[in-house]
């Protein structure tokens, strides 16, 4: 899968670092992204999606090291399972003792994290030098956008930048599992 030219990737990363919300392709659908430490950007995503903040949000990264602080509290055997599944389309919910901001965790004492194998998502995290919020590009209750055109139809100018590219080969968004129990929250 070809990445967008380096100018577009650098522009998207710079906008993210400046507090913007961007839309880009992910493993299965188009997503919305922002820097998770920016409360205003996260609030903007929640508002335009009409998403209940109590649900929490997924964080995505290009490497396991971005999650070292939150993974440190896990037993080694569980951490090994998570690391063996990454990079890949597996989101894990892990206990969080204050690493992620409350606006990311929602009403939970945990955080959902994934190390993506989607080339564009991974490159965006690497160039922005941070993990990112990753949520599907759709208003609550609507089907996730599968193309840039669909994402633009939903959000128009409410998104600061649309980073062109292709989604991965997944038919559905990534599965979400509880890291401690192994139970599926979404998928399989």
C-alpha atoms as a PDB file:
ATOM      1  CA  UNK A   1       0.000   0.000   0.000  1.00  0.00           C
ATOM      2  CA  UNK A   2       1.488   3.320  -1.058  1.00  0.00           C
ATOM      3  CA  UNK A   3       1.792   6.088   1.495  1.00  0.00           C
ATOM      4  CA  UNK A   4       0.780   9.647   0.665  1.00  0.00           C
ATOM      5  CA  UNK A   5       3.613  11.904  -0.325  1.00  0.00           C
ATOM      6  CA  UNK A   6       5.783  13.028   2.563  1.00  0.00           C
ATOM      7  CA  UNK A   7       4.430  16.592   2.374  1.00  0.00           C
ATOM      8  CA  UNK A   8       0.866  15.445   3.110  1.00  0.00           C
ATOM      9  CA  UNK A   9       2.015  13.161   5.900  1.00  0.00           C
ATOM     10  CA  UNK A  10       4.142  15.900   7.492  1.00  0.00           C
ATOM     11  CA  UNK A  11       1.273  18.378   7.119  1.00  0.00           C
ATOM     12  CA  UNK A  12      -1.183  16.005   8.834  1.00  0.00           C
ATOM     13  CA  UNK A  13       1.295  15.386  11.671  1.00  0.00           C
ATOM     14  CA  UNK A  14       1.939  19.109  12.150  1.00  0.00           C
ATOM     15  CA  UNK A  15      -1.789  19.804  12.239  1.00  0.00           C
ATOM     16  CA  UNK A  16      -2.296  17.057  14.828  1.00  0.00           C
ATOM     17  CA  UNK A  17       0.459  18.497  17.035  1.00  0.00           C
ATOM     18  CA  UNK A  18      -1.242  21.908  16.732  1.00  0.00           C
ATOM     19  CA  UNK A  19      -4.568  20.565  18.038  1.00  0.00           C
ATOM     20  CA  UNK A  20      -6.316  19.580  14.817  1.00  0.00           C
ATOM     21  CA  UNK A  21      -8.621  16.671  14.067  1.00  0.00           C
ATOM     22  CA  UNK A  22      -7.855  14.752  10.904  1.00  0.00           C
ATOM     23  CA  UNK A  23      -9.532  11.916   9.027  1.00  0.00           C
ATOM     24  CA  UNK A  24      -7.530   9.096   7.455  1.00  0.00           C
ATOM     25  CA  UNK A  25      -7.874   5.468   6.351  1.00  0.00           C
ATOM     26  CA  UNK A  26      -7.263   2.702   8.911  1.00  0.00           C
ATOM     27  CA  UNK A  27      -7.310  -1.095   8.828  1.00  0.00           C
ATOM     28  CA  UNK A  28     -10.980  -1.356   7.769  1.00  0.00           C
ATOM     29  CA  UNK A  29     -12.657   2.060   7.740  1.00  0.00           C
ATOM     30  CA  UNK A  30     -11.861   5.747   7.688  1.00  0.00           C
ATOM     31  CA  UNK A  31     -11.069   7.122  11.112  1.00  0.00           C
ATOM     32  CA  UNK A  32     -10.821  10.341  13.027  1.00  0.00           C
ATOM     33  CA  UNK A  33      -7.599  11.114  14.854  1.00  0.00           C
ATOM     34  CA  UNK A  34      -6.186  13.670  17.246  1.00  0.00           C
ATOM     35  CA  UNK A  35      -3.509  13.847  19.909  1.00  0.00           C
ATOM     36  CA  UNK A  36      -5.000  12.208  23.018  1.00  0.00           C
ATOM     37  CA  UNK A  37      -3.459  14.723  25.430  1.00  0.00           C
ATOM     38  CA  UNK A  38      -5.396  17.586  23.763  1.00  0.00           C
ATOM     39  CA  UNK A  39      -8.738  17.815  25.586  1.00  0.00           C
ATOM     40  CA  UNK A  40     -10.177  20.355  23.122  1.00  0.00           C
ATOM     41  CA  UNK A  41      -9.421  18.138  20.099  1.00  0.00           C
ATOM     42  CA  UNK A  42     -10.855  15.054  21.815  1.00  0.00           C
ATOM     43  CA  UNK A  43     -13.967  17.016  22.805  1.00  0.00           C
ATOM     44  CA  UNK A  44     -14.359  18.157  19.204  1.00  0.00           C
ATOM     45  CA  UNK A  45     -14.311  14.528  18.001  1.00  0.00           C
ATOM     46  CA  UNK A  46     -16.861  13.499  20.630  1.00  0.00           C
ATOM     47  CA  UNK A  47     -19.117  16.421  19.677  1.00  0.00           C
ATOM     48  CA  UNK A  48     -19.072  15.925  15.904  1.00  0.00           C
ATOM     49  CA  UNK A  49     -19.655  12.175  16.322  1.00  0.00           C
ATOM     50  CA  UNK A  50     -22.304  12.775  18.992  1.00  0.00           C
ATOM     51  CA  UNK A  51     -20.433  10.100  20.969  1.00  0.00           C
ATOM     52  CA  UNK A  52     -21.045   9.553  24.661  1.00  0.00           C
ATOM     53  CA  UNK A  53     -17.794  10.549  26.446  1.00  0.00           C
ATOM     54  CA  UNK A  54     -18.370   7.782  29.015  1.00  0.00           C
ATOM     55  CA  UNK A  55     -17.599   5.155  26.346  1.00  0.00           C
ATOM     56  CA  UNK A  56     -13.941   6.108  26.136  1.00  0.00           C
ATOM     57  CA  UNK A  57     -11.751   6.077  23.032  1.00  0.00           C
ATOM     58  CA  UNK A  58      -9.140   3.806  21.448  1.00  0.00           C
ATOM     59  CA  UNK A  59      -5.507   4.885  21.205  1.00  0.00           C
ATOM     60  CA  UNK A  60      -3.350   3.669  18.331  1.00  0.00           C
ATOM     61  CA  UNK A  61       0.433   3.734  17.957  1.00  0.00           C
ATOM     62  CA  UNK A  62       3.241   2.720  15.633  1.00  0.00           C
ATOM     63  CA  UNK A  63       5.232   0.812  18.272  1.00  0.00           C
ATOM     64  CA  UNK A  64       4.719  -0.930  21.608  1.00  0.00           C
ATOM     65  CA  UNK A  65       7.105   1.490  23.323  1.00  0.00           C
ATOM     66  CA  UNK A  66       4.524   4.278  23.117  1.00  0.00           C
ATOM     67  CA  UNK A  67       2.434   2.238  25.571  1.00  0.00           C
ATOM     68  CA  UNK A  68       5.243   1.150  27.908  1.00  0.00           C
ATOM     69  CA  UNK A  69       3.927   3.236  30.820  1.00  0.00           C
ATOM     70  CA  UNK A  70       0.480   1.654  30.789  1.00  0.00           C
ATOM     71  CA  UNK A  71       1.727  -1.845  29.959  1.00  0.00           C
ATOM     72  CA  UNK A  72       4.237  -1.840  32.834  1.00  0.00           C
ATOM     73  CA  UNK A  73       1.523  -2.761  35.352  1.00  0.00           C
ATOM     74  CA  UNK A  74       0.517  -5.932  33.474  1.00  0.00           C
ATOM     75  CA  UNK A  75       1.800  -9.374  34.410  1.00  0.00           C
ATOM     76  CA  UNK A  76       4.595 -10.433  32.020  1.00  0.00           C
ATOM     77  CA  UNK A  77       2.529 -13.309  30.584  1.00  0.00           C
ATOM     78  CA  UNK A  78      -0.311 -10.969  29.593  1.00  0.00           C
ATOM     79  CA  UNK A  79       2.062  -8.369  28.188  1.00  0.00           C
ATOM     80  CA  UNK A  80       3.676 -11.085  26.052  1.00  0.00           C
ATOM     81  CA  UNK A  81       0.260 -12.011  24.583  1.00  0.00           C
ATOM     82  CA  UNK A  82      -0.443  -8.387  23.677  1.00  0.00           C
ATOM     83  CA  UNK A  83       2.986  -7.795  22.181  1.00  0.00           C
ATOM     84  CA  UNK A  84       2.740 -11.009  20.128  1.00  0.00           C
ATOM     85  CA  UNK A  85      -0.505  -9.725  18.562  1.00  0.00           C
ATOM     86  CA  UNK A  86       1.089  -6.436  17.450  1.00  0.00           C
ATOM     87  CA  UNK A  87       1.520  -4.821  15.122  1.00  0.00           C
ATOM     88  CA  UNK A  88      -1.865  -5.961  13.988  1.00  0.00           C
ATOM     89  CA  UNK A  89      -5.603  -5.363  14.040  1.00  0.00           C
ATOM     90  CA  UNK A  90      -6.043  -6.195  17.733  1.00  0.00           C
ATOM     91  CA  UNK A  91      -7.212  -3.636  20.275  1.00  0.00           C
ATOM     92  CA  UNK A  92      -6.706  -4.537  23.932  1.00  0.00           C
ATOM     93  CA  UNK A  93      -8.361  -2.951  26.946  1.00  0.00           C
ATOM     94  CA  UNK A  94      -5.803  -2.690  29.754  1.00  0.00           C
ATOM     95  CA  UNK A  95      -6.061  -1.372  33.320  1.00  0.00           C
ATOM     96  CA  UNK A  96      -4.976   2.235  33.572  1.00  0.00           C
ATOM     97  CA  UNK A  97      -3.870   3.866  36.786  1.00  0.00           C
ATOM     98  CA  UNK A  98      -3.692   7.431  35.526  1.00  0.00           C
ATOM     99  CA  UNK A  99      -1.579   7.250  32.366  1.00  0.00           C
ATOM    100  CA  UNK A 100      -4.382   8.174  29.960  1.00  0.00           C
ATOM    101  CA  UNK A 101      -6.434  11.320  30.557  1.00  0.00           C
ATOM    102  CA  UNK A 102      -9.977  10.905  31.901  1.00  0.00           C
ATOM    103  CA  UNK A 103     -11.385  12.168  28.589  1.00  0.00           C
ATOM    104  CA  UNK A 104      -9.796   9.128  26.891  1.00  0.00           C
ATOM    105  CA  UNK A 105     -10.814   6.530  29.514  1.00  0.00           C
ATOM    106  CA  UNK A 106     -14.398   7.765  29.794  1.00  0.00           C
ATOM    107  CA  UNK A 107     -16.147   6.084  32.728  1.00  0.00           C
ATOM    108  CA  UNK A 108     -13.597   3.250  32.814  1.00  0.00           C
ATOM    109  CA  UNK A 109     -10.453   2.537  34.824  1.00  0.00           C
ATOM    110  CA  UNK A 110      -8.907   1.157  31.659  1.00  0.00           C
ATOM    111  CA  UNK A 111      -7.746   2.263  28.243  1.00  0.00           C
ATOM    112  CA  UNK A 112      -8.089   0.612  24.816  1.00  0.00           C
ATOM    113  CA  UNK A 113      -4.802   0.447  22.877  1.00  0.00           C
ATOM    114  CA  UNK A 114      -3.538  -0.951  19.546  1.00  0.00           C
ATOM    115  CA  UNK A 115      -0.236  -1.005  17.686  1.00  0.00           C
ATOM    116  CA  UNK A 116      -1.366  -0.707  14.088  1.00  0.00           C
ATOM    117  CA  UNK A 117       0.051  -2.554  11.123  1.00  0.00           C
ATOM    118  CA  UNK A 118      -1.733  -0.208   8.700  1.00  0.00           C
ATOM    119  CA  UNK A 119       1.153   1.599   6.917  1.00  0.00           C
ATOM    120  CA  UNK A 120      -0.468   5.040   6.886  1.00  0.00           C
ATOM    121  CA  UNK A 121      -1.729   4.905  10.476  1.00  0.00           C
ATOM    122  CA  UNK A 122       1.668   3.727  11.671  1.00  0.00           C
ATOM    123  CA  UNK A 123       3.506   6.387   9.645  1.00  0.00           C
ATOM    124  CA  UNK A 124       1.195   9.113  10.952  1.00  0.00           C
ATOM    125  CA  UNK A 125       1.948   8.142  14.572  1.00  0.00           C
ATOM    126  CA  UNK A 126       5.668   7.982  13.810  1.00  0.00           C
ATOM    127  CA  UNK A 127       5.797  11.379  12.093  1.00  0.00           C
ATOM    128  CA  UNK A 128       3.583  13.007  14.764  1.00  0.00           C
ATOM    129  CA  UNK A 129       5.772  11.273  17.387  1.00  0.00           C
ATOM    130  CA  UNK A 130       2.835  10.200  19.551  1.00  0.00           C
ATOM    131  CA  UNK A 131       0.025   7.722  19.877  1.00  0.00           C
ATOM    132  CA  UNK A 132      -3.277   9.005  18.516  1.00  0.00           C
ATOM    133  CA  UNK A 133      -6.977   8.780  19.228  1.00  0.00           C
ATOM    134  CA  UNK A 134      -8.481   6.394  16.690  1.00  0.00           C
ATOM    135  CA  UNK A 135     -12.247   6.289  16.244  1.00  0.00           C
ATOM    136  CA  UNK A 136     -14.343   5.504  13.202  1.00  0.00           C
ATOM    137  CA  UNK A 137     -15.360   8.401  10.959  1.00  0.00           C
ATOM    138  CA  UNK A 138     -19.115   8.390  11.435  1.00  0.00           C
ATOM    139  CA  UNK A 139     -21.742  10.043  13.588  1.00  0.00           C
ATOM    140  CA  UNK A 140     -23.019   7.772  16.370  1.00  0.00           C
ATOM    141  CA  UNK A 141     -25.488   5.232  15.009  1.00  0.00           C
ATOM    142  CA  UNK A 142     -24.364   5.582  11.375  1.00  0.00           C
ATOM    143  CA  UNK A 143     -22.197   3.211   9.338  1.00  0.00           C
ATOM    144  CA  UNK A 144     -18.459   3.972   9.450  1.00  0.00           C
ATOM    145  CA  UNK A 145     -17.093   5.769   6.392  1.00  0.00           C
ATOM    146  CA  UNK A 146     -15.319   3.367   4.024  1.00  0.00           C
ATOM    147  CA  UNK A 147     -13.953   6.094   1.730  1.00  0.00           C
ATOM    148  CA  UNK A 148     -12.677   9.646   1.998  1.00  0.00           C
ATOM    149  CA  UNK A 149     -15.787  10.804   0.150  1.00  0.00           C
ATOM    150  CA  UNK A 150     -18.044   9.200   2.768  1.00  0.00           C
ATOM    151  CA  UNK A 151     -16.027  10.763   5.607  1.00  0.00           C
ATOM    152  CA  UNK A 152     -16.297  14.173   3.927  1.00  0.00           C
ATOM    153  CA  UNK A 153     -20.040  13.668   3.453  1.00  0.00           C
ATOM    154  CA  UNK A 154     -20.441  13.087   7.200  1.00  0.00           C
ATOM    155  CA  UNK A 155     -18.192  15.845   8.489  1.00  0.00           C
ATOM    156  CA  UNK A 156     -17.388  18.310   5.687  1.00  0.00           C
ATOM    157  CA  UNK A 157     -15.396  21.235   7.162  1.00  0.00           C
ATOM    158  CA  UNK A 158     -15.653  19.998  10.770  1.00  0.00           C
ATOM    159  CA  UNK A 159     -12.440  18.063  10.077  1.00  0.00           C
ATOM    160  CA  UNK A 160      -9.230  20.052   9.706  1.00  0.00           C
ATOM    161  CA  UNK A 161      -7.590  17.732   7.167  1.00  0.00           C
ATOM    162  CA  UNK A 162      -8.378  14.603   5.171  1.00  0.00           C
ATOM    163  CA  UNK A 163      -5.226  12.536   4.652  1.00  0.00           C
ATOM    164  CA  UNK A 164      -5.720  10.537   1.445  1.00  0.00           C
ATOM    165  CA  UNK A 165      -4.998   6.848   1.248  1.00  0.00           C
ATOM    166  CA  UNK A 166      -6.549   3.385   1.179  1.00  0.00           C
ATOM    167  CA  UNK A 167      -8.022   1.348   3.962  1.00  0.00           C
ATOM    168  CA  UNK A 168      -6.570  -2.039   4.809  1.00  0.00           C
ATOM    169  CA  UNK A 169      -8.114  -5.368   3.913  1.00  0.00           C
ATOM    170  CA  UNK A 170     -10.279  -5.894   7.004  1.00  0.00           C
ATOM    171  CA  UNK A 171     -14.028  -6.182   6.424  1.00  0.00           C
ATOM    172  CA  UNK A 172     -14.859  -4.931   9.937  1.00  0.00           C
ATOM    173  CA  UNK A 173     -13.171  -2.629  12.447  1.00  0.00           C
ATOM    174  CA  UNK A 174     -10.551  -4.287  14.657  1.00  0.00           C
ATOM    175  CA  UNK A 175     -11.579  -6.613  17.434  1.00  0.00           C
ATOM    176  CA  UNK A 176     -11.454  -5.337  21.009  1.00  0.00           C
ATOM    177  CA  UNK A 177     -10.548  -7.679  23.870  1.00  0.00           C
ATOM    178  CA  UNK A 178     -10.093  -7.384  27.592  1.00  0.00           C
ATOM    179  CA  UNK A 179      -6.394  -8.003  28.264  1.00  0.00           C
ATOM    180  CA  UNK A 180      -6.934  -9.574  31.684  1.00  0.00           C
ATOM    181  CA  UNK A 181      -9.795 -11.968  30.828  1.00  0.00           C
ATOM    182  CA  UNK A 182      -9.226 -12.408  27.086  1.00  0.00           C
ATOM    183  CA  UNK A 183     -12.969 -11.871  26.514  1.00  0.00           C
ATOM    184  CA  UNK A 184     -14.083 -10.167  23.322  1.00  0.00           C
ATOM    185  CA  UNK A 185     -15.777  -6.808  23.735  1.00  0.00           C
ATOM    186  CA  UNK A 186     -16.194  -6.342  19.966  1.00  0.00           C
ATOM    187  CA  UNK A 187     -15.543  -8.872  17.210  1.00  0.00           C
ATOM    188  CA  UNK A 188     -15.009 -12.638  17.039  1.00  0.00           C
END
